[in-house]
Amino acid sequence: MKIVIVDDDNLVAISLKTILEANNRVEVMAIGNSGKEAIELYKEYNPEVLLMDIRMNGMTGLEAAEEILKNNTNANILFLTTFSDDEYIVKALKIGARGYILKQDFNGIVPALEAVAGGQNVYGAEIISRLPQLVNTSTSSFDYTSYEINEKEKEIIELVAEGLSNKEISARLYLSEGTVRNYLSTILEKLILRDRTQLAVFYFTKIKGE
């Protein structure tokens, strides 16, 4: 897996490169220290994943990611930061970043990189649990019918996004847990998503994030 690392602290960037390359599944093609460098390095190397900090002098990681994603909608950008600010999380979701993890969760970096390279979205449990409070809850104009989502499936999507388990959803909607699982499998298939975490991210970016 070929990646590029961008962090405004050069010592951190170099340390990450050394540590990640100790894992033979990761090749660090280049490192940078600013948002502008991130844009240039992405153009030059077209990495499978761009691992980037958020707070940087001049152009931030969020601004750089937004610029990259304008021209490369399939870019896999994973934010690695010490900051779990609500504003940053919402912005990362809305611009289409693939993930947002904290530097404190060091053991999770390689699995997160692999998941993002494989097309998954990666947001820590702490961040997912906060999404309902972070994103505007105004009524959305999202067209469920274009995905052939019916009213019951819509209800289940919204309850999954609220963080309810299958057992809790079954109690809320007076359905068996098996029926809820079947609905959820159908929903994931229709939306071409892998799991309930991706479904929650889809809901808050594509539906409530409009």
N, C-alpha and C. Protein backbone atom coordinates (compact mmCIF):
# COMPACT_ATOMS: atom_id res chain seq x y z
N MET A 1 0.85 -1.19 0.00
CA MET A 1 0.00 0.00 0.00
C MET A 1 0.89 1.24 0.00
N LYS A 2 0.68 2.09 -1.00
CA LYS A 2 1.52 3.28 -1.16
C LYS A 2 0.80 4.51 -0.60
N ILE A 3 1.49 5.22 0.32
CA ILE A 3 0.86 6.36 0.95
C ILE A 3 1.79 7.58 0.92
N VAL A 4 1.19 8.74 1.16
CA VAL A 4 1.93 9.98 1.37
C VAL A 4 1.53 10.51 2.74
N ILE A 5 2.50 11.00 3.52
CA ILE A 5 2.25 11.56 4.85
C ILE A 5 2.48 13.06 4.82
N VAL A 6 1.53 13.82 5.37
CA VAL A 6 1.70 15.27 5.49
C VAL A 6 1.38 15.70 6.92
N ASP A 7 2.38 16.27 7.59
CA ASP A 7 2.22 16.78 8.95
C ASP A 7 3.15 17.98 9.10
N ASP A 8 2.66 19.06 9.72
CA ASP A 8 3.47 20.27 9.80
C ASP A 8 4.66 20.11 10.74
N ASP A 9 4.63 19.10 11.58
CA ASP A 9 5.78 18.79 12.43
C ASP A 9 6.62 17.76 11.70
N ASN A 10 7.76 18.19 11.16
CA ASN A 10 8.57 17.31 10.33
C ASN A 10 9.05 16.08 11.09
N LEU A 11 9.34 16.27 12.39
CA LEU A 11 9.79 15.13 13.19
C LEU A 11 8.69 14.09 13.30
N VAL A 12 7.44 14.54 13.44
CA VAL A 12 6.30 13.61 13.49
C VAL A 12 6.17 12.87 12.17
N ALA A 13 6.28 13.61 11.06
CA ALA A 13 6.16 13.00 9.73
C ALA A 13 7.23 11.94 9.51
N ILE A 14 8.46 12.27 9.88
CA ILE A 14 9.57 11.32 9.71
C ILE A 14 9.38 10.10 10.61
N SER A 15 8.93 10.34 11.83
CA SER A 15 8.71 9.24 12.78
C SER A 15 7.61 8.31 12.27
N LEU A 16 6.53 8.91 11.76
CA LEU A 16 5.45 8.10 11.20
C LEU A 16 5.94 7.25 10.04
N LYS A 17 6.75 7.86 9.18
CA LYS A 17 7.30 7.13 8.03
C LYS A 17 8.11 5.92 8.50
N THR A 18 8.98 6.15 9.47
CA THR A 18 9.83 5.08 9.98
C THR A 18 9.01 3.96 10.59
N ILE A 19 8.04 4.34 11.41
CA ILE A 19 7.23 3.35 12.12
C ILE A 19 6.33 2.57 11.15
N LEU A 20 5.70 3.29 10.22
CA LEU A 20 4.77 2.62 9.30
C LEU A 20 5.51 1.72 8.32
N GLU A 21 6.70 2.13 7.90
CA GLU A 21 7.44 1.30 6.95
C GLU A 21 8.05 0.06 7.61
N ALA A 22 8.03 0.01 8.94
CA ALA A 22 8.44 -1.21 9.63
C ALA A 22 7.44 -2.32 9.35
N ASN A 23 6.24 -1.89 8.96
CA ASN A 23 5.21 -2.85 8.53
C ASN A 23 5.38 -3.03 7.02
N ASN A 24 5.68 -4.22 6.60
CA ASN A 24 6.03 -4.43 5.18
C ASN A 24 4.84 -4.25 4.23
N ARG A 25 3.68 -3.95 4.77
CA ARG A 25 2.52 -3.72 3.90
C ARG A 25 2.39 -2.24 3.50
N VAL A 26 3.23 -1.38 4.08
CA VAL A 26 3.12 0.06 3.84
C VAL A 26 4.40 0.61 3.21
N GLU A 27 4.24 1.38 2.14
CA GLU A 27 5.36 2.09 1.52
C GLU A 27 5.04 3.58 1.53
N VAL A 28 5.88 4.37 2.20
CA VAL A 28 5.69 5.82 2.24
C VAL A 28 6.44 6.43 1.06
N MET A 29 5.69 6.95 0.11
CA MET A 29 6.30 7.48 -1.12
C MET A 29 6.93 8.84 -0.91
N ALA A 30 6.34 9.64 -0.01
CA ALA A 30 6.87 10.99 0.24
C ALA A 30 6.25 11.53 1.51
N ILE A 31 6.91 12.55 2.09
CA ILE A 31 6.33 13.25 3.22
C ILE A 31 6.33 14.75 2.93
N GLY A 32 5.37 15.45 3.51
CA GLY A 32 5.27 16.90 3.34
C GLY A 32 4.89 17.55 4.65
N ASN A 33 4.94 18.88 4.66
CA ASN A 33 4.71 19.60 5.92
C ASN A 33 3.69 20.72 5.83
N SER A 34 2.92 20.77 4.73
CA SER A 34 1.93 21.85 4.59
C SER A 34 0.80 21.41 3.67
N GLY A 35 -0.29 22.17 3.73
CA GLY A 35 -1.42 21.89 2.85
C GLY A 35 -1.04 22.01 1.39
N LYS A 36 -0.26 23.02 1.07
CA LYS A 36 0.17 23.20 -0.33
C LYS A 36 1.01 22.03 -0.80
N GLU A 37 1.90 21.56 0.07
CA GLU A 37 2.70 20.38 -0.29
C GLU A 37 1.83 19.16 -0.49
N ALA A 38 0.79 19.04 0.32
CA ALA A 38 -0.12 17.90 0.18
C ALA A 38 -0.71 17.85 -1.22
N ILE A 39 -1.14 19.00 -1.72
CA ILE A 39 -1.73 19.07 -3.07
C ILE A 39 -0.69 18.68 -4.12
N GLU A 40 0.51 19.22 -3.98
CA GLU A 40 1.58 18.94 -4.95
C GLU A 40 1.98 17.47 -4.91
N LEU A 41 2.12 16.93 -3.70
CA LEU A 41 2.55 15.53 -3.57
C LEU A 41 1.47 14.57 -4.06
N TYR A 42 0.21 14.93 -3.85
CA TYR A 42 -0.85 14.07 -4.35
C TYR A 42 -0.81 14.01 -5.88
N LYS A 43 -0.63 15.17 -6.51
CA LYS A 43 -0.55 15.22 -7.98
C LYS A 43 0.63 14.40 -8.48
N GLU A 44 1.74 14.49 -7.77
CA GLU A 44 2.97 13.83 -8.23
C GLU A 44 2.93 12.31 -8.03
N TYR A 45 2.42 11.87 -6.88
CA TYR A 45 2.52 10.45 -6.53
C TYR A 45 1.22 9.67 -6.64
N ASN A 46 0.09 10.35 -6.62
CA ASN A 46 -1.22 9.68 -6.69
C ASN A 46 -1.26 8.47 -5.73
N PRO A 47 -1.07 8.72 -4.44
CA PRO A 47 -1.00 7.61 -3.47
C PRO A 47 -2.34 6.91 -3.29
N GLU A 48 -2.26 5.70 -2.79
CA GLU A 48 -3.50 4.98 -2.46
C GLU A 48 -4.22 5.66 -1.30
N VAL A 49 -3.42 6.20 -0.36
CA VAL A 49 -3.99 6.95 0.77
C VAL A 49 -3.10 8.14 1.07
N LEU A 50 -3.73 9.29 1.30
CA LEU A 50 -3.03 10.47 1.79
C LEU A 50 -3.33 10.59 3.28
N LEU A 51 -2.31 10.41 4.12
CA LEU A 51 -2.44 10.48 5.56
C LEU A 51 -2.02 11.88 5.99
N MET A 52 -2.96 12.67 6.53
CA MET A 52 -2.69 14.10 6.69
C MET A 52 -3.20 14.66 8.02
N ASP A 53 -2.42 15.57 8.57
CA ASP A 53 -2.82 16.32 9.76
C ASP A 53 -3.83 17.40 9.34
N ILE A 54 -4.49 18.00 10.32
CA ILE A 54 -5.47 19.04 10.01
C ILE A 54 -4.89 20.43 10.24
N ARG A 55 -4.44 20.70 11.44
CA ARG A 55 -3.92 22.03 11.76
C ARG A 55 -2.51 22.19 11.23
N MET A 56 -2.38 23.03 10.22
CA MET A 56 -1.06 23.32 9.65
C MET A 56 -1.02 24.80 9.29
N ASN A 57 0.18 25.37 9.31
CA ASN A 57 0.33 26.79 8.98
C ASN A 57 -0.05 27.04 7.53
N GLY A 58 -0.64 28.21 7.28
CA GLY A 58 -1.05 28.55 5.92
C GLY A 58 -2.31 27.78 5.56
N MET A 59 -2.22 26.91 4.58
CA MET A 59 -3.37 26.09 4.17
C MET A 59 -3.52 24.90 5.10
N THR A 60 -4.69 24.73 5.68
CA THR A 60 -4.93 23.60 6.59
C THR A 60 -5.11 22.29 5.82
N GLY A 61 -5.08 21.21 6.55
CA GLY A 61 -5.32 19.91 5.93
C GLY A 61 -6.71 19.82 5.33
N LEU A 62 -7.70 20.42 5.99
CA LEU A 62 -9.06 20.41 5.47
C LEU A 62 -9.15 21.17 4.16
N GLU A 63 -8.50 22.31 4.09
CA GLU A 63 -8.51 23.11 2.85
C GLU A 63 -7.80 22.36 1.73
N ALA A 64 -6.69 21.72 2.06
CA ALA A 64 -5.96 20.95 1.05
C ALA A 64 -6.79 19.77 0.55
N ALA A 65 -7.44 19.08 1.49
CA ALA A 65 -8.27 17.93 1.10
C ALA A 65 -9.41 18.37 0.19
N GLU A 66 -10.03 19.49 0.51
CA GLU A 66 -11.13 19.99 -0.32
C GLU A 66 -10.66 20.28 -1.73
N GLU A 67 -9.48 20.86 -1.85
CA GLU A 67 -8.92 21.18 -3.17
C GLU A 67 -8.60 19.89 -3.93
N ILE A 68 -8.00 18.92 -3.26
CA ILE A 68 -7.65 17.66 -3.90
C ILE A 68 -8.91 16.94 -4.38
N LEU A 69 -9.94 16.90 -3.54
CA LEU A 69 -11.16 16.17 -3.85
C LEU A 69 -11.98 16.84 -4.95
N LYS A 70 -11.77 18.12 -5.18
CA LYS A 70 -12.46 18.79 -6.29
C LYS A 70 -12.02 18.20 -7.63
N ASN A 71 -10.76 17.85 -7.71
CA ASN A 71 -10.20 17.34 -8.96
C ASN A 71 -10.01 15.82 -8.97
N ASN A 72 -10.08 15.20 -7.78
CA ASN A 72 -9.89 13.76 -7.68
C ASN A 72 -10.93 13.21 -6.71
N THR A 73 -12.13 13.00 -7.20
CA THR A 73 -13.23 12.62 -6.32
C THR A 73 -13.02 11.28 -5.66
N ASN A 74 -12.14 10.45 -6.20
CA ASN A 74 -11.88 9.13 -5.62
C ASN A 74 -10.66 9.13 -4.69
N ALA A 75 -10.12 10.30 -4.41
CA ALA A 75 -8.95 10.38 -3.53
C ALA A 75 -9.28 9.83 -2.14
N ASN A 76 -8.39 9.00 -1.62
CA ASN A 76 -8.57 8.45 -0.28
C ASN A 76 -7.76 9.28 0.71
N ILE A 77 -8.44 10.12 1.46
CA ILE A 77 -7.78 11.00 2.42
C ILE A 77 -8.17 10.60 3.83
N LEU A 78 -7.17 10.30 4.63
CA LEU A 78 -7.37 9.90 6.02
C LEU A 78 -6.71 10.95 6.91
N PHE A 79 -7.51 11.60 7.76
CA PHE A 79 -6.97 12.58 8.69
C PHE A 79 -6.47 11.89 9.95
N LEU A 80 -5.25 12.24 10.33
CA LEU A 80 -4.64 11.75 11.57
C LEU A 80 -4.27 12.97 12.39
N THR A 81 -4.97 13.20 13.49
CA THR A 81 -4.79 14.45 14.22
C THR A 81 -4.95 14.25 15.71
N THR A 82 -4.48 15.21 16.48
CA THR A 82 -4.68 15.16 17.93
C THR A 82 -5.96 15.89 18.32
N PHE A 83 -6.61 16.50 17.34
CA PHE A 83 -7.77 17.34 17.63
C PHE A 83 -9.07 16.65 17.21
N SER A 84 -10.01 16.54 18.16
CA SER A 84 -11.32 15.96 17.85
C SER A 84 -12.39 17.05 17.89
N ASP A 85 -12.02 18.25 17.44
CA ASP A 85 -12.96 19.37 17.44
C ASP A 85 -14.18 19.05 16.58
N ASP A 86 -15.35 19.38 17.09
CA ASP A 86 -16.59 19.10 16.37
C ASP A 86 -16.59 19.71 14.98
N GLU A 87 -16.12 20.94 14.87
CA GLU A 87 -16.12 21.63 13.58
C GLU A 87 -15.28 20.90 12.55
N TYR A 88 -14.13 20.39 12.98
CA TYR A 88 -13.25 19.67 12.08
C TYR A 88 -13.88 18.36 11.60
N ILE A 89 -14.52 17.66 12.53
CA ILE A 89 -15.13 16.38 12.19
C ILE A 89 -16.23 16.56 11.13
N VAL A 90 -17.10 17.54 11.35
CA VAL A 90 -18.19 17.80 10.41
C VAL A 90 -17.64 18.20 9.05
N LYS A 91 -16.63 19.07 9.04
CA LYS A 91 -16.03 19.50 7.78
C LYS A 91 -15.41 18.32 7.04
N ALA A 92 -14.71 17.46 7.77
CA ALA A 92 -14.08 16.29 7.15
C ALA A 92 -15.12 15.40 6.49
N LEU A 93 -16.23 15.20 7.18
CA LEU A 93 -17.32 14.39 6.62
C LEU A 93 -17.88 15.02 5.36
N LYS A 94 -18.14 16.32 5.43
CA LYS A 94 -18.83 16.98 4.32
C LYS A 94 -17.97 17.10 3.07
N ILE A 95 -16.65 17.23 3.23
CA ILE A 95 -15.83 17.36 2.03
C ILE A 95 -15.54 16.01 1.39
N GLY A 96 -15.82 14.91 2.12
CA GLY A 96 -15.65 13.59 1.53
C GLY A 96 -14.38 12.86 1.93
N ALA A 97 -13.78 13.25 3.07
CA ALA A 97 -12.61 12.51 3.56
C ALA A 97 -13.04 11.09 3.91
N ARG A 98 -12.13 10.16 3.74
CA ARG A 98 -12.44 8.75 4.00
C ARG A 98 -12.39 8.39 5.47
N GLY A 99 -11.70 9.21 6.26
CA GLY A 99 -11.60 8.85 7.66
C GLY A 99 -11.01 9.96 8.51
N TYR A 100 -11.17 9.78 9.81
CA TYR A 100 -10.71 10.77 10.79
C TYR A 100 -10.36 9.99 12.04
N ILE A 101 -9.07 9.85 12.32
CA ILE A 101 -8.65 9.12 13.51
C ILE A 101 -7.69 9.98 14.32
N LEU A 102 -7.57 9.64 15.58
CA LEU A 102 -6.74 10.42 16.49
C LEU A 102 -5.36 9.78 16.65
N LYS A 103 -4.35 10.63 16.78
CA LYS A 103 -2.98 10.13 16.92
C LYS A 103 -2.81 9.26 18.16
N GLN A 104 -3.65 9.51 19.16
CA GLN A 104 -3.57 8.70 20.37
C GLN A 104 -3.86 7.22 20.08
N ASP A 105 -4.67 6.97 19.04
CA ASP A 105 -5.03 5.60 18.68
C ASP A 105 -3.99 5.03 17.73
N PHE A 106 -2.74 4.99 18.19
CA PHE A 106 -1.63 4.66 17.31
C PHE A 106 -1.74 3.27 16.71
N ASN A 107 -2.18 2.31 17.52
CA ASN A 107 -2.27 0.93 17.03
C ASN A 107 -3.29 0.76 15.91
N GLY A 108 -4.18 1.75 15.77
CA GLY A 108 -5.21 1.64 14.76
C GLY A 108 -4.85 2.28 13.42
N ILE A 109 -3.65 2.86 13.31
CA ILE A 109 -3.31 3.59 12.09
C ILE A 109 -3.20 2.66 10.88
N VAL A 110 -2.44 1.58 11.00
CA VAL A 110 -2.26 0.68 9.85
C VAL A 110 -3.59 0.03 9.44
N PRO A 111 -4.38 -0.51 10.37
CA PRO A 111 -5.69 -1.04 9.97
C PRO A 111 -6.57 0.01 9.31
N ALA A 112 -6.49 1.26 9.80
CA ALA A 112 -7.29 2.34 9.21
C ALA A 112 -6.82 2.63 7.79
N LEU A 113 -5.52 2.66 7.57
CA LEU A 113 -4.98 2.87 6.23
C LEU A 113 -5.45 1.77 5.28
N GLU A 114 -5.39 0.54 5.74
CA GLU A 114 -5.80 -0.59 4.90
C GLU A 114 -7.29 -0.53 4.57
N ALA A 115 -8.08 -0.15 5.56
CA ALA A 115 -9.52 -0.04 5.33
C ALA A 115 -9.84 1.06 4.32
N VAL A 116 -9.20 2.20 4.48
CA VAL A 116 -9.42 3.32 3.56
C VAL A 116 -8.95 2.97 2.15
N ALA A 117 -7.79 2.32 2.04
CA ALA A 117 -7.29 1.90 0.73
C ALA A 117 -8.27 0.94 0.06
N GLY A 118 -9.01 0.19 0.89
CA GLY A 118 -9.99 -0.75 0.37
C GLY A 118 -11.36 -0.13 0.09
N GLY A 119 -11.45 1.17 0.25
CA GLY A 119 -12.70 1.86 -0.08
C GLY A 119 -13.65 2.07 1.07
N GLN A 120 -13.21 1.76 2.29
CA GLN A 120 -14.08 1.94 3.45
C GLN A 120 -13.89 3.31 4.08
N ASN A 121 -14.89 3.75 4.83
CA ASN A 121 -14.77 4.95 5.63
C ASN A 121 -14.39 4.53 7.04
N VAL A 122 -13.49 5.29 7.66
CA VAL A 122 -13.01 4.93 9.00
C VAL A 122 -13.15 6.13 9.94
N TYR A 123 -14.06 5.99 10.88
CA TYR A 123 -14.22 7.00 11.92
C TYR A 123 -14.28 6.27 13.24
N GLY A 124 -13.52 6.73 14.22
CA GLY A 124 -13.49 6.08 15.51
C GLY A 124 -14.86 6.04 16.17
N ALA A 125 -15.03 5.08 17.08
CA ALA A 125 -16.31 4.92 17.77
C ALA A 125 -16.72 6.20 18.49
N GLU A 126 -15.74 6.89 19.06
CA GLU A 126 -16.03 8.14 19.78
C GLU A 126 -16.64 9.17 18.84
N ILE A 127 -16.12 9.24 17.61
CA ILE A 127 -16.60 10.22 16.64
C ILE A 127 -17.96 9.83 16.10
N ILE A 128 -18.15 8.55 15.77
CA ILE A 128 -19.44 8.09 15.26
C ILE A 128 -20.54 8.37 16.27
N SER A 129 -20.26 8.17 17.56
CA SER A 129 -21.28 8.36 18.59
C SER A 129 -21.68 9.83 18.72
N ARG A 130 -20.82 10.73 18.24
CA ARG A 130 -21.11 12.16 18.37
C ARG A 130 -21.79 12.74 17.14
N LEU A 131 -21.87 11.98 16.06
CA LEU A 131 -22.39 12.53 14.81
C LEU A 131 -23.80 13.10 14.91
N PRO A 132 -24.74 12.44 15.60
CA PRO A 132 -26.09 13.01 15.64
C PRO A 132 -26.13 14.42 16.21
N GLN A 133 -25.23 14.72 17.14
CA GLN A 133 -25.21 16.05 17.73
C GLN A 133 -24.42 17.05 16.90
N LEU A 134 -23.58 16.54 15.99
CA LEU A 134 -22.68 17.42 15.24
C LEU A 134 -23.28 17.96 13.95
N VAL A 135 -24.15 17.17 13.34
CA VAL A 135 -24.62 17.51 12.00
C VAL A 135 -26.01 18.15 12.06
N ASN A 136 -26.23 19.12 11.21
CA ASN A 136 -27.53 19.81 11.14
C ASN A 136 -28.65 18.81 10.98
N THR A 137 -29.65 18.88 11.84
CA THR A 137 -30.74 17.91 11.79
C THR A 137 -31.97 18.45 11.07
N SER A 138 -31.80 19.46 10.27
CA SER A 138 -32.94 19.98 9.52
C SER A 138 -33.40 18.97 8.48
N THR A 139 -34.64 19.09 8.01
CA THR A 139 -35.19 18.15 7.04
C THR A 139 -34.38 18.17 5.75
N SER A 140 -34.08 17.01 5.24
CA SER A 140 -33.27 16.88 4.03
C SER A 140 -34.14 16.69 2.80
N SER A 141 -33.61 17.13 1.67
CA SER A 141 -34.31 16.92 0.40
C SER A 141 -33.79 15.68 -0.32
N PHE A 142 -33.05 14.85 0.40
CA PHE A 142 -32.45 13.66 -0.19
C PHE A 142 -33.53 12.77 -0.81
N ASP A 143 -33.25 12.30 -2.01
CA ASP A 143 -34.23 11.49 -2.75
C ASP A 143 -34.01 10.00 -2.47
N TYR A 144 -34.72 9.49 -1.47
CA TYR A 144 -34.61 8.08 -1.12
C TYR A 144 -35.08 7.19 -2.26
N THR A 145 -36.06 7.65 -3.02
CA THR A 145 -36.65 6.80 -4.06
C THR A 145 -35.64 6.45 -5.15
N SER A 146 -34.64 7.32 -5.34
CA SER A 146 -33.64 7.03 -6.38
C SER A 146 -32.82 5.79 -6.01
N TYR A 147 -32.82 5.44 -4.72
CA TYR A 147 -32.13 4.23 -4.26
C TYR A 147 -33.13 3.11 -3.97
N GLU A 148 -34.40 3.35 -4.30
CA GLU A 148 -35.47 2.38 -4.04
C GLU A 148 -35.59 2.05 -2.55
N ILE A 149 -35.39 3.08 -1.71
CA ILE A 149 -35.52 2.93 -0.26
C ILE A 149 -36.96 3.22 0.13
N ASN A 150 -37.62 2.26 0.78
CA ASN A 150 -39.00 2.48 1.18
C ASN A 150 -39.07 3.13 2.57
N GLU A 151 -40.28 3.40 3.04
CA GLU A 151 -40.45 4.14 4.30
C GLU A 151 -39.88 3.38 5.50
N LYS A 152 -40.11 2.07 5.56
CA LYS A 152 -39.59 1.29 6.68
C LYS A 152 -38.07 1.28 6.67
N GLU A 153 -37.48 1.14 5.50
CA GLU A 153 -36.02 1.16 5.38
C GLU A 153 -35.47 2.54 5.78
N LYS A 154 -36.19 3.58 5.41
CA LYS A 154 -35.80 4.93 5.79
C LYS A 154 -35.77 5.08 7.31
N GLU A 155 -36.79 4.56 7.97
CA GLU A 155 -36.83 4.60 9.44
C GLU A 155 -35.63 3.89 10.04
N ILE A 156 -35.29 2.73 9.48
CA ILE A 156 -34.18 1.96 10.01
C ILE A 156 -32.86 2.69 9.80
N ILE A 157 -32.68 3.31 8.65
CA ILE A 157 -31.47 4.09 8.38
C ILE A 157 -31.31 5.17 9.45
N GLU A 158 -32.38 5.88 9.73
CA GLU A 158 -32.32 6.98 10.69
C GLU A 158 -32.02 6.48 12.10
N LEU A 159 -32.56 5.32 12.45
CA LEU A 159 -32.30 4.77 13.78
C LEU A 159 -30.87 4.24 13.90
N VAL A 160 -30.35 3.66 12.83
CA VAL A 160 -28.94 3.24 12.82
C VAL A 160 -28.05 4.46 13.01
N ALA A 161 -28.38 5.55 12.31
CA ALA A 161 -27.59 6.78 12.41
C ALA A 161 -27.64 7.37 13.82
N GLU A 162 -28.74 7.12 14.53
CA GLU A 162 -28.85 7.58 15.92
C GLU A 162 -28.03 6.72 16.87
N GLY A 163 -27.52 5.60 16.37
CA GLY A 163 -26.68 4.73 17.18
C GLY A 163 -27.39 3.57 17.83
N LEU A 164 -28.64 3.30 17.43
CA LEU A 164 -29.40 2.20 18.03
C LEU A 164 -28.91 0.85 17.51
N SER A 165 -28.92 -0.14 18.39
CA SER A 165 -28.57 -1.50 18.00
C SER A 165 -29.76 -2.17 17.32
N ASN A 166 -29.53 -3.34 16.72
CA ASN A 166 -30.64 -4.07 16.10
C ASN A 166 -31.74 -4.39 17.11
N LYS A 167 -31.33 -4.75 18.34
CA LYS A 167 -32.30 -5.06 19.39
C LYS A 167 -33.15 -3.84 19.71
N GLU A 168 -32.50 -2.68 19.81
CA GLU A 168 -33.23 -1.45 20.14
C GLU A 168 -34.15 -1.03 19.00
N ILE A 169 -33.68 -1.24 17.75
CA ILE A 169 -34.52 -0.91 16.59
C ILE A 169 -35.73 -1.83 16.54
N SER A 170 -35.52 -3.10 16.84
CA SER A 170 -36.64 -4.04 16.79
C SER A 170 -37.71 -3.67 17.81
N ALA A 171 -37.26 -3.21 18.99
CA ALA A 171 -38.22 -2.79 20.02
C ALA A 171 -38.95 -1.51 19.61
N ARG A 172 -38.21 -0.60 19.00
CA ARG A 172 -38.81 0.68 18.59
C ARG A 172 -39.85 0.49 17.48
N LEU A 173 -39.55 -0.41 16.54
CA LEU A 173 -40.43 -0.57 15.37
C LEU A 173 -41.33 -1.81 15.46
N TYR A 174 -41.27 -2.51 16.60
CA TYR A 174 -42.10 -3.72 16.80
C TYR A 174 -41.84 -4.77 15.72
N LEU A 175 -40.54 -4.98 15.45
CA LEU A 175 -40.11 -6.00 14.49
C LEU A 175 -39.20 -6.98 15.22
N SER A 176 -39.05 -8.17 14.67
CA SER A 176 -38.10 -9.12 15.25
C SER A 176 -36.68 -8.67 14.88
N GLU A 177 -35.70 -9.11 15.68
CA GLU A 177 -34.31 -8.75 15.36
C GLU A 177 -33.91 -9.33 14.01
N GLY A 178 -34.41 -10.53 13.69
CA GLY A 178 -34.10 -11.13 12.39
C GLY A 178 -34.61 -10.29 11.25
N THR A 179 -35.80 -9.72 11.41
CA THR A 179 -36.38 -8.87 10.36
C THR A 179 -35.55 -7.60 10.21
N VAL A 180 -35.10 -7.04 11.33
CA VAL A 180 -34.26 -5.83 11.28
C VAL A 180 -32.95 -6.14 10.55
N ARG A 181 -32.35 -7.30 10.86
CA ARG A 181 -31.11 -7.69 10.17
C ARG A 181 -31.34 -7.83 8.67
N ASN A 182 -32.46 -8.40 8.29
CA ASN A 182 -32.77 -8.56 6.87
C ASN A 182 -32.95 -7.21 6.19
N TYR A 183 -33.66 -6.31 6.86
CA TYR A 183 -33.83 -4.95 6.32
C TYR A 183 -32.47 -4.27 6.15
N LEU A 184 -31.63 -4.41 7.18
CA LEU A 184 -30.33 -3.75 7.13
C LEU A 184 -29.47 -4.30 5.99
N SER A 185 -29.51 -5.61 5.79
CA SER A 185 -28.75 -6.21 4.68
C SER A 185 -29.23 -5.68 3.34
N THR A 186 -30.54 -5.55 3.20
CA THR A 186 -31.11 -5.02 1.95
C THR A 186 -30.71 -3.57 1.73
N ILE A 187 -30.74 -2.78 2.81
CA ILE A 187 -30.37 -1.36 2.72
C ILE A 187 -28.91 -1.23 2.29
N LEU A 188 -28.03 -1.99 2.92
CA LEU A 188 -26.60 -1.92 2.58
C LEU A 188 -26.37 -2.31 1.13
N GLU A 189 -27.11 -3.30 0.67
CA GLU A 189 -26.97 -3.74 -0.73
C GLU A 189 -27.44 -2.64 -1.68
N LYS A 190 -28.57 -2.00 -1.37
CA LYS A 190 -29.10 -0.94 -2.23
C LYS A 190 -28.16 0.27 -2.30
N LEU A 191 -27.54 0.60 -1.17
CA LEU A 191 -26.67 1.78 -1.11
C LEU A 191 -25.21 1.44 -1.42
N ILE A 192 -24.95 0.16 -1.66
CA ILE A 192 -23.59 -0.34 -1.94
C ILE A 192 -22.65 0.07 -0.81
N LEU A 193 -23.03 -0.29 0.41
CA LEU A 193 -22.24 -0.01 1.59
C LEU A 193 -21.87 -1.32 2.28
N ARG A 194 -20.84 -1.26 3.12
CA ARG A 194 -20.30 -2.48 3.72
C ARG A 194 -20.93 -2.81 5.08
N ASP A 195 -21.13 -1.79 5.91
CA ASP A 195 -21.61 -2.05 7.27
C ASP A 195 -22.37 -0.86 7.83
N ARG A 196 -22.84 -0.98 9.07
CA ARG A 196 -23.67 0.06 9.67
C ARG A 196 -22.88 1.34 9.93
N THR A 197 -21.57 1.22 10.13
CA THR A 197 -20.75 2.43 10.30
C THR A 197 -20.75 3.24 9.01
N GLN A 198 -20.55 2.57 7.88
CA GLN A 198 -20.60 3.27 6.60
C GLN A 198 -21.98 3.85 6.36
N LEU A 199 -23.02 3.14 6.81
CA LEU A 199 -24.38 3.64 6.65
C LEU A 199 -24.58 4.93 7.45
N ALA A 200 -24.06 4.97 8.67
CA ALA A 200 -24.17 6.18 9.49
C ALA A 200 -23.44 7.35 8.83
N VAL A 201 -22.24 7.08 8.31
CA VAL A 201 -21.49 8.14 7.64
C VAL A 201 -22.23 8.61 6.39
N PHE A 202 -22.78 7.66 5.62
CA PHE A 202 -23.56 8.00 4.43
C PHE A 202 -24.72 8.91 4.81
N TYR A 203 -25.41 8.55 5.88
CA TYR A 203 -26.58 9.33 6.31
C TYR A 203 -26.20 10.77 6.63
N PHE A 204 -25.12 10.95 7.38
CA PHE A 204 -24.77 12.30 7.82
C PHE A 204 -24.06 13.12 6.76
N THR A 205 -23.48 12.47 5.76
CA THR A 205 -22.82 13.22 4.69
C THR A 205 -23.76 13.46 3.50
N LYS A 206 -24.50 12.43 3.09
CA LYS A 206 -25.33 12.52 1.90
C LYS A 206 -26.75 13.03 2.20
N ILE A 207 -27.22 12.79 3.40
CA ILE A 207 -28.62 13.13 3.71
C ILE A 207 -28.68 14.37 4.60
N LYS A 208 -28.19 14.27 5.82
CA LYS A 208 -28.24 15.43 6.72
C LYS A 208 -27.19 16.47 6.37
N GLY A 209 -26.17 16.07 5.62
CA GLY A 209 -25.11 17.02 5.30
C GLY A 209 -25.40 17.90 4.11
N GLU A 210 -26.56 17.73 3.48
CA GLU A 210 -26.86 18.52 2.28
C GLU A 210 -27.09 19.98 2.62
